Amino acid sequence: MEKGVKSERLLSVDIMRGITVAGMILVNNPGSWGHVYAPLRHAVWNGLTPTDLVFPFFMFIMGVSMCLSMSKKGFKADGKAVLKMLKRFVLIFLIGVALGWLGTFCGRLAWGPAEGEQLPLWARIINAANSFDTIRILGVLPRLALCYLFGSIIVMAFRPKTVVWISAGLLAVYSVILIFGNGYEFSESNVLYVVDHYVLGEKHLYRDSVDGVTLAFDPEGLLGTLPSVAHVLIGFCCGLLLIKKDDKKTKALNLFTVGSLLAIAGFLLSYGLPLNKKIWSPTFVLTTCGMASCVLALLTVSIDIRGHRKGWWPAEVFGVNPLALYVLSDVLAILFGTVKIGGSTIGGSVYEGLCAIIPSPHAASLAFALLFVALNWAVGYVLYKRKIYIKL
């Protein structure tokens, strides 16, 4: 690899990043969890829905962005780069944990009149703040932080061509773990369940239900970090195709070819190793990375080659401040779900108002989610117009 590769900024990468962030906000904030619009539901266990593509697409594009950024310095691990990597890892991880604490704090505090509550406000605040024994440690942002850390270390320590084999090795090792560790069964004997309970403890895990069975089973658990790192590394390898000295049409064709092969491999192998987002199965990695690569190839053709840029600028608003707007959406979601006005939360009041206008509760739930995305977009638009880019 050359000492430094001058990489042209590709608007298609920003656009795809923005679309995925908007999608993450959309699927995480329905008006009612009891009336989620059908396409915005995750697969209960095995399987794949459109909603299941959003988070893996973001992780894929994170790997692509990592490649484009690090290529400018020839993927060298100087002291400044390592320090920047560690700072970013700590920041993103701690913000994720802080959001978990904020959600628990607001839930315990029960903003507004609390029936039978005799404690003074200051005592209630102290009790609500003391929730470190139950907050969820892992989640979306901690997983992104861990994948960024380990992915960056691997990229800095090994040659780009070796990264391909490392990602394949991680998926192969994880496949063996799942097969011999009962990884495809939602039960207490699942090796992912056992490791998370042993290392983190039940009180710090997400609770999920499958077919009437409820367990403290975290979809962003510790062992699932292995295939997630491979996921980011595949995105990195696809990014290598974009920095080659080929014309843009060739780059797009290569992306589409690689993506098609990955997706086909994932679907074929799913007959023995099911697609499953909650355990981040190897076939889930291959399939979603393949689909993401194909989408990026199509965006490259439309935006970077044919110059169809005007209609994509709303997505660019999310794409230039992705994590900042995602964090904002989490904070707003917590406040909307806990702050009470007139006996109902802000989110509840808005949803009830939409139900009065829209007959279908599922359609009203979708309308709420779209309005919530628009609210976050409006904040992002102000930052976009003022050229304010918040780096996390």
Protein backbone atom coordinates (compact mmCIF):
# COMPACT_ATOMS: atom_id res chain seq x y z
CA MET A 1 0.00 0.00 0.00
CA GLU A 2 1.26 3.44 -0.79
CA LYS A 3 2.35 5.73 2.03
CA GLY A 4 -0.69 7.90 1.50
CA VAL A 5 -3.64 7.58 -0.81
CA LYS A 6 -5.55 10.63 -1.84
CA SER A 7 -9.19 9.62 -1.57
CA GLU A 8 -11.83 11.70 -3.24
CA ARG A 9 -14.80 12.45 -1.00
CA LEU A 10 -17.77 10.46 -2.22
CA LEU A 11 -21.18 12.00 -1.61
CA SER A 12 -22.76 8.56 -1.98
CA VAL A 13 -21.06 7.46 1.26
CA ASP A 14 -22.50 10.44 3.16
CA ILE A 15 -25.93 9.83 1.64
CA MET A 16 -25.98 6.15 2.58
CA ARG A 17 -24.80 6.98 6.09
CA GLY A 18 -27.58 9.54 6.38
CA ILE A 19 -30.25 7.13 5.14
CA THR A 20 -29.20 4.50 7.67
CA VAL A 21 -29.19 6.97 10.58
CA ALA A 22 -32.66 8.19 9.61
CA GLY A 23 -33.74 4.56 9.42
CA MET A 24 -32.33 3.79 12.87
CA ILE A 25 -34.24 6.71 14.37
CA LEU A 26 -37.41 5.70 12.51
CA VAL A 27 -37.50 2.08 13.69
CA ASN A 28 -36.54 2.95 17.28
CA ASN A 29 -39.34 5.46 17.84
CA PRO A 30 -42.84 4.22 16.95
CA GLY A 31 -45.81 6.01 18.42
CA SER A 32 -46.77 2.81 20.23
CA TRP A 33 -44.75 -0.39 20.68
CA GLY A 34 -48.05 -2.22 20.74
CA HIS A 35 -48.95 -0.94 17.28
CA VAL A 36 -45.67 -0.92 15.35
CA TYR A 37 -46.11 -0.56 11.58
CA ALA A 38 -45.41 -4.06 10.22
CA PRO A 39 -42.34 -3.32 8.01
CA LEU A 40 -40.73 -1.54 10.97
CA ARG A 41 -40.70 -4.67 13.14
CA HIS A 42 -37.56 -6.70 13.75
CA ALA A 43 -37.61 -10.44 13.11
CA VAL A 44 -38.69 -12.17 16.32
CA TRP A 45 -35.74 -14.58 16.14
CA ASN A 46 -34.53 -16.19 12.89
CA GLY A 47 -35.30 -14.31 9.69
CA LEU A 48 -34.80 -10.93 8.12
CA THR A 49 -37.06 -7.87 7.82
CA PRO A 50 -36.36 -4.46 6.24
CA THR A 51 -35.85 -3.08 9.75
CA ASP A 52 -33.09 -5.62 10.40
CA LEU A 53 -31.03 -4.03 7.62
CA VAL A 54 -30.69 -0.59 9.17
CA PHE A 55 -28.10 -1.15 11.92
CA PRO A 56 -25.87 -3.52 9.87
CA PHE A 57 -25.93 -1.06 6.96
CA PHE A 58 -24.64 1.63 9.31
CA MET A 59 -21.86 -0.65 10.57
CA PHE A 60 -20.91 -1.48 6.98
CA ILE A 61 -20.69 2.18 6.00
CA MET A 62 -18.66 2.82 9.17
CA GLY A 63 -16.10 0.35 7.84
CA VAL A 64 -16.11 2.05 4.44
CA SER A 65 -15.62 5.45 6.08
CA MET A 66 -12.81 4.03 8.21
CA CYS A 67 -11.02 2.93 5.05
CA LEU A 68 -11.45 6.26 3.27
CA SER A 69 -10.21 8.15 6.33
CA MET A 70 -7.22 5.94 7.18
CA SER A 71 -6.11 5.65 3.56
CA LYS A 72 -5.04 9.31 3.66
CA LYS A 73 -2.17 8.30 5.98
CA GLY A 74 -1.48 4.97 4.41
CA PHE A 75 -3.16 3.09 7.28
CA LYS A 76 -0.20 3.99 9.54
CA ALA A 77 -0.53 3.66 13.32
CA ASP A 78 1.31 6.74 14.57
CA GLY A 79 0.86 7.99 18.13
CA LYS A 80 -1.57 10.72 17.14
CA ALA A 81 -3.82 8.28 15.26
CA VAL A 82 -3.82 5.78 18.13
CA LEU A 83 -4.66 8.48 20.69
CA LYS A 84 -7.51 9.76 18.50
CA MET A 85 -8.83 6.22 18.12
CA LEU A 86 -8.78 5.58 21.88
CA LYS A 87 -10.45 8.91 22.67
CA ARG A 88 -13.22 8.23 20.18
CA PHE A 89 -13.77 4.73 21.53
CA VAL A 90 -14.06 5.96 25.13
CA LEU A 91 -16.33 8.85 24.15
CA ILE A 92 -18.80 6.77 22.13
CA PHE A 93 -18.85 3.95 24.69
CA LEU A 94 -19.43 6.28 27.64
CA ILE A 95 -22.15 8.20 25.79
CA GLY A 96 -23.91 4.88 25.19
CA VAL A 97 -23.73 3.95 28.87
CA ALA A 98 -24.81 7.48 29.84
CA LEU A 99 -27.89 7.19 27.66
CA GLY A 100 -28.75 3.94 29.42
CA TRP A 101 -28.38 5.68 32.76
CA LEU A 102 -30.48 8.64 31.61
CA GLY A 103 -33.29 6.35 30.53
CA THR A 104 -33.28 4.54 33.87
CA PHE A 105 -33.01 7.82 35.79
CA CYS A 106 -35.97 9.41 34.03
CA GLY A 107 -38.02 6.25 34.34
CA ARG A 108 -37.42 6.03 38.08
CA LEU A 109 -37.98 9.70 38.69
CA ALA A 110 -41.38 9.50 36.99
CA TRP A 111 -41.57 13.15 35.96
CA GLY A 112 -44.80 14.81 36.96
CA PRO A 113 -47.22 13.94 39.81
CA ALA A 114 -46.50 10.50 41.24
CA GLU A 115 -49.39 8.84 43.03
CA GLY A 116 -48.63 8.07 46.66
CA GLU A 117 -45.17 9.64 46.43
CA GLN A 118 -44.28 11.17 49.81
CA LEU A 119 -40.56 11.73 49.35
CA PRO A 120 -39.36 15.28 48.64
CA LEU A 121 -38.11 15.99 45.14
CA TRP A 122 -34.41 16.01 46.13
CA ALA A 123 -34.73 12.54 47.68
CA ARG A 124 -36.49 11.21 44.60
CA ILE A 125 -33.72 12.60 42.39
CA ILE A 126 -31.01 10.92 44.49
CA ASN A 127 -32.86 7.60 44.45
CA ALA A 128 -33.40 7.80 40.70
CA ALA A 129 -29.77 8.72 40.04
CA ASN A 130 -28.51 5.73 42.00
CA SER A 131 -29.27 3.25 39.25
CA PHE A 132 -25.79 2.07 38.28
CA ASP A 133 -26.58 -1.41 39.57
CA THR A 134 -29.24 -1.92 36.91
CA ILE A 135 -28.30 0.13 33.83
CA ARG A 136 -27.67 -1.68 30.58
CA ILE A 137 -23.95 -1.61 29.79
CA LEU A 138 -24.09 -2.68 26.17
CA GLY A 139 -26.24 -1.38 23.34
CA VAL A 140 -25.97 0.22 19.92
CA LEU A 141 -23.34 2.86 20.75
CA PRO A 142 -21.15 0.58 22.90
CA ARG A 143 -21.18 -1.99 20.09
CA LEU A 144 -20.18 0.67 17.57
CA ALA A 145 -17.42 1.79 19.92
CA LEU A 146 -16.05 -1.73 20.40
CA CYS A 147 -16.17 -2.47 16.67
CA TYR A 148 -14.46 0.82 15.90
CA LEU A 149 -11.71 0.08 18.44
CA PHE A 150 -10.94 -3.49 17.41
CA GLY A 151 -11.48 -2.76 13.73
CA SER A 152 -9.04 0.16 13.85
CA ILE A 153 -6.44 -1.91 15.71
CA ILE A 154 -6.64 -4.69 13.12
CA VAL A 155 -6.47 -2.26 10.20
CA MET A 156 -3.45 -0.49 11.70
CA ALA A 157 -1.65 -3.71 12.64
CA PHE A 158 -2.12 -5.71 9.43
CA ARG A 159 -1.84 -5.16 5.71
CA PRO A 160 -5.15 -4.41 3.97
CA LYS A 161 -5.08 -7.73 2.09
CA THR A 162 -4.71 -9.59 5.40
CA VAL A 163 -7.83 -7.90 6.77
CA VAL A 164 -9.95 -9.99 4.38
CA TRP A 165 -8.67 -13.21 5.94
CA ILE A 166 -9.06 -11.89 9.47
CA SER A 167 -12.72 -11.05 8.86
CA ALA A 168 -13.27 -14.52 7.37
CA GLY A 169 -11.50 -16.10 10.34
CA LEU A 170 -13.66 -14.21 12.84
CA LEU A 171 -16.82 -15.42 11.10
CA ALA A 172 -15.53 -19.01 10.97
CA VAL A 173 -14.64 -19.01 14.68
CA TYR A 174 -18.00 -17.51 15.60
CA SER A 175 -19.79 -20.11 13.47
CA VAL A 176 -18.13 -22.88 15.47
CA ILE A 177 -19.05 -21.15 18.75
CA LEU A 178 -22.70 -20.93 17.72
CA ILE A 179 -22.90 -24.51 16.48
CA PHE A 180 -21.33 -26.09 19.56
CA GLY A 181 -22.68 -23.52 22.02
CA ASN A 182 -26.38 -23.88 21.19
CA GLY A 183 -26.22 -20.39 19.76
CA TYR A 184 -29.31 -20.61 17.59
CA GLU A 185 -31.67 -21.41 20.48
CA PHE A 186 -33.28 -18.70 22.59
CA SER A 187 -32.64 -20.31 25.96
CA GLU A 188 -30.47 -20.21 29.06
CA SER A 189 -28.20 -22.83 27.51
CA ASN A 190 -27.21 -20.46 24.69
CA VAL A 191 -23.49 -19.69 24.98
CA LEU A 192 -24.15 -15.97 24.33
CA TYR A 193 -26.59 -15.92 27.25
CA VAL A 194 -24.14 -17.75 29.51
CA VAL A 195 -21.18 -15.45 28.74
CA ASP A 196 -23.16 -12.23 29.17
CA HIS A 197 -24.65 -13.39 32.48
CA TYR A 198 -21.27 -14.51 33.78
CA VAL A 199 -19.36 -11.36 32.77
CA LEU A 200 -21.99 -8.59 33.01
CA GLY A 201 -24.74 -9.94 35.21
CA GLU A 202 -28.45 -10.25 34.51
CA LYS A 203 -29.35 -6.77 35.78
CA HIS A 204 -27.16 -5.10 33.14
CA LEU A 205 -28.68 -6.88 30.14
CA TYR A 206 -31.55 -6.14 27.77
CA ARG A 207 -34.65 -8.29 28.31
CA ASP A 208 -36.20 -9.86 25.23
CA SER A 209 -39.12 -12.18 24.50
CA VAL A 210 -39.37 -14.89 21.85
CA ASP A 211 -42.48 -17.06 21.49
CA GLY A 212 -43.66 -16.21 24.98
CA VAL A 213 -40.28 -16.87 26.64
CA THR A 214 -38.66 -13.82 28.30
CA LEU A 215 -34.95 -13.77 29.11
CA ALA A 216 -32.23 -11.25 29.87
CA PHE A 217 -30.71 -11.78 26.42
CA ASP A 218 -28.76 -8.87 24.97
CA PRO A 219 -28.80 -8.50 21.16
CA GLU A 220 -25.60 -6.45 21.45
CA GLY A 221 -23.87 -8.95 23.76
CA LEU A 222 -20.18 -9.64 24.24
CA LEU A 223 -19.64 -12.63 21.95
CA GLY A 224 -21.65 -10.91 19.22
CA THR A 225 -18.81 -8.40 19.02
CA LEU A 226 -16.74 -10.95 17.06
CA PRO A 227 -18.96 -11.05 13.95
CA SER A 228 -19.68 -7.33 14.35
CA VAL A 229 -15.98 -6.55 14.04
CA ALA A 230 -15.89 -8.77 10.95
CA HIS A 231 -18.87 -6.79 9.67
CA VAL A 232 -16.97 -3.51 9.93
CA LEU A 233 -13.87 -5.09 8.38
CA ILE A 234 -15.91 -6.24 5.37
CA GLY A 235 -17.06 -2.65 4.99
CA PHE A 236 -13.41 -1.62 5.19
CA CYS A 237 -12.49 -4.10 2.45
CA CYS A 238 -15.26 -2.74 0.24
CA GLY A 239 -13.86 0.71 0.92
CA LEU A 240 -10.57 -0.49 -0.56
CA LEU A 241 -12.40 -0.94 -3.85
CA LEU A 242 -13.31 2.76 -3.78
CA ILE A 243 -9.72 3.98 -3.35
CA LYS A 244 -8.28 1.91 -6.18
CA LYS A 245 -7.01 3.78 -9.23
CA ASP A 246 -9.99 2.73 -11.31
CA ASP A 247 -12.66 4.84 -12.92
CA LYS A 248 -15.89 5.28 -10.95
CA LYS A 249 -17.87 2.92 -13.17
CA THR A 250 -15.39 0.13 -12.50
CA LYS A 251 -15.47 0.83 -8.78
CA ALA A 252 -19.26 0.67 -8.75
CA LEU A 253 -19.24 -2.56 -10.76
CA ASN A 254 -16.71 -4.13 -8.38
CA LEU A 255 -18.80 -3.10 -5.38
CA PHE A 256 -21.92 -4.58 -6.92
CA THR A 257 -20.15 -7.81 -7.88
CA VAL A 258 -18.65 -8.33 -4.43
CA GLY A 259 -21.95 -7.41 -2.79
CA SER A 260 -23.90 -9.87 -4.92
CA LEU A 261 -21.48 -12.69 -4.11
CA LEU A 262 -21.63 -11.95 -0.37
CA ALA A 263 -25.43 -11.78 -0.35
CA ILE A 264 -25.77 -15.01 -2.35
CA ALA A 265 -23.30 -16.78 -0.04
CA GLY A 266 -25.19 -15.55 3.01
CA PHE A 267 -28.57 -16.71 1.73
CA LEU A 268 -27.25 -20.12 0.65
CA LEU A 269 -25.47 -20.76 3.96
CA SER A 270 -28.57 -19.68 5.88
CA TYR A 271 -30.08 -23.11 5.24
CA GLY A 272 -27.64 -24.45 7.83
CA LEU A 273 -26.77 -21.27 9.72
CA PRO A 274 -29.96 -19.20 9.98
CA LEU A 275 -30.08 -15.45 9.47
CA ASN A 276 -30.43 -13.94 12.94
CA LYS A 277 -29.83 -10.32 13.91
CA LYS A 278 -30.11 -10.87 17.66
CA ILE A 279 -27.07 -13.16 17.68
CA TRP A 280 -25.50 -11.40 14.66
CA SER A 281 -25.06 -14.73 12.90
CA PRO A 282 -22.33 -15.11 10.24
CA THR A 283 -24.93 -15.45 7.49
CA PHE A 284 -26.57 -12.25 8.74
CA VAL A 285 -23.19 -10.53 8.35
CA LEU A 286 -22.60 -11.84 4.83
CA THR A 287 -26.12 -11.12 3.61
CA THR A 288 -26.45 -7.61 5.02
CA CYS A 289 -22.92 -6.60 4.01
CA GLY A 290 -23.63 -7.88 0.52
CA MET A 291 -26.88 -5.96 0.27
CA ALA A 292 -25.23 -2.83 1.69
CA SER A 293 -22.43 -3.07 -0.88
CA CYS A 294 -24.97 -3.34 -3.70
CA VAL A 295 -26.88 -0.33 -2.40
CA LEU A 296 -23.67 1.70 -2.14
CA ALA A 297 -22.81 0.70 -5.71
CA LEU A 298 -26.19 1.92 -6.95
CA LEU A 299 -25.85 5.18 -5.03
CA THR A 300 -22.37 5.65 -6.49
CA VAL A 301 -23.77 5.30 -10.00
CA SER A 302 -26.70 7.63 -9.34
CA ILE A 303 -24.87 10.32 -7.35
CA ASP A 304 -21.15 10.23 -8.06
CA ILE A 305 -21.27 9.13 -11.70
CA ARG A 306 -24.52 10.50 -13.12
CA GLY A 307 -24.57 13.52 -10.83
CA HIS A 308 -28.14 13.11 -9.52
CA ARG A 309 -27.48 14.96 -6.27
CA LYS A 310 -30.32 17.44 -5.73
CA GLY A 311 -32.89 14.98 -4.44
CA TRP A 312 -30.51 13.40 -1.95
CA TRP A 313 -29.58 16.43 0.16
CA PRO A 314 -32.12 15.69 2.97
CA ALA A 315 -30.23 12.46 3.67
CA GLU A 316 -26.94 14.34 3.63
CA VAL A 317 -28.19 16.33 6.64
CA PHE A 318 -28.12 13.12 8.69
CA GLY A 319 -24.98 11.86 6.96
CA VAL A 320 -22.66 14.68 8.01
CA ASN A 321 -23.64 14.51 11.71
CA PRO A 322 -24.70 10.86 12.09
CA LEU A 323 -23.83 9.92 15.66
CA ALA A 324 -24.62 13.35 17.08
CA LEU A 325 -28.16 13.21 15.67
CA TYR A 326 -28.58 9.59 16.77
CA VAL A 327 -27.63 10.56 20.34
CA LEU A 328 -30.02 13.52 20.15
CA SER A 329 -32.82 11.19 19.06
CA ASP A 330 -32.17 8.93 22.04
CA VAL A 331 -32.25 11.85 24.46
CA LEU A 332 -35.48 13.18 22.95
CA ALA A 333 -37.03 9.71 22.99
CA ILE A 334 -36.27 9.37 26.71
CA LEU A 335 -37.76 12.78 27.48
CA PHE A 336 -40.81 12.20 25.27
CA GLY A 337 -41.42 8.91 27.05
CA THR A 338 -41.07 10.21 30.61
CA VAL A 339 -41.91 13.92 30.86
CA LYS A 340 -45.61 14.24 31.66
CA ILE A 341 -47.98 17.00 30.65
CA GLY A 342 -51.52 16.75 31.94
CA GLY A 343 -51.13 13.17 33.16
CA SER A 344 -49.68 11.82 29.89
CA THR A 345 -46.16 11.82 28.52
CA ILE A 346 -45.26 14.13 25.65
CA GLY A 347 -44.94 11.20 23.27
CA GLY A 348 -48.17 9.69 24.50
CA SER A 349 -50.05 12.94 24.02
CA VAL A 350 -48.75 13.34 20.46
CA TYR A 351 -49.65 9.75 19.59
CA GLU A 352 -53.15 10.12 21.04
CA GLY A 353 -53.59 13.27 18.97
CA LEU A 354 -52.53 11.42 15.83
CA CYS A 355 -54.93 8.57 16.64
CA ALA A 356 -57.74 11.12 16.76
CA ILE A 357 -56.89 12.11 13.18
CA ILE A 358 -55.73 8.79 11.71
CA PRO A 359 -58.15 5.84 12.14
CA SER A 360 -55.52 3.08 12.09
CA PRO A 361 -53.36 2.90 15.25
CA HIS A 362 -50.54 1.32 13.21
CA ALA A 363 -50.63 4.17 10.68
CA ALA A 364 -50.71 6.67 13.56
CA SER A 365 -47.67 4.94 15.05
CA LEU A 366 -45.87 5.28 11.72
CA ALA A 367 -46.87 8.94 11.47
CA PHE A 368 -45.41 9.56 14.93
CA ALA A 369 -42.14 7.90 13.92
CA LEU A 370 -41.93 10.01 10.75
CA LEU A 371 -42.62 13.21 12.69
CA PHE A 372 -39.93 12.24 15.19
CA VAL A 373 -37.42 11.74 12.37
CA ALA A 374 -38.43 15.12 10.94
CA LEU A 375 -37.84 16.79 14.32
CA ASN A 376 -34.30 15.43 14.52
CA TRP A 377 -33.74 16.31 10.87
CA ALA A 378 -34.74 19.91 11.58
CA VAL A 379 -32.02 20.17 14.22
CA GLY A 380 -29.56 18.54 11.82
CA TYR A 381 -30.55 20.98 9.08
CA VAL A 382 -29.57 23.94 11.27
CA LEU A 383 -26.17 22.34 11.85
CA TYR A 384 -25.87 21.51 8.15
CA LYS A 385 -26.61 25.06 7.00
CA ARG A 386 -24.13 26.50 9.49
CA LYS A 387 -21.52 23.88 8.47
CA ILE A 388 -21.29 22.59 12.04
CA TYR A 389 -20.00 19.02 12.12
CA ILE A 390 -20.00 17.32 15.51
CA LYS A 391 -17.43 14.54 15.60
CA LEU A 392 -18.00 11.71 18.04
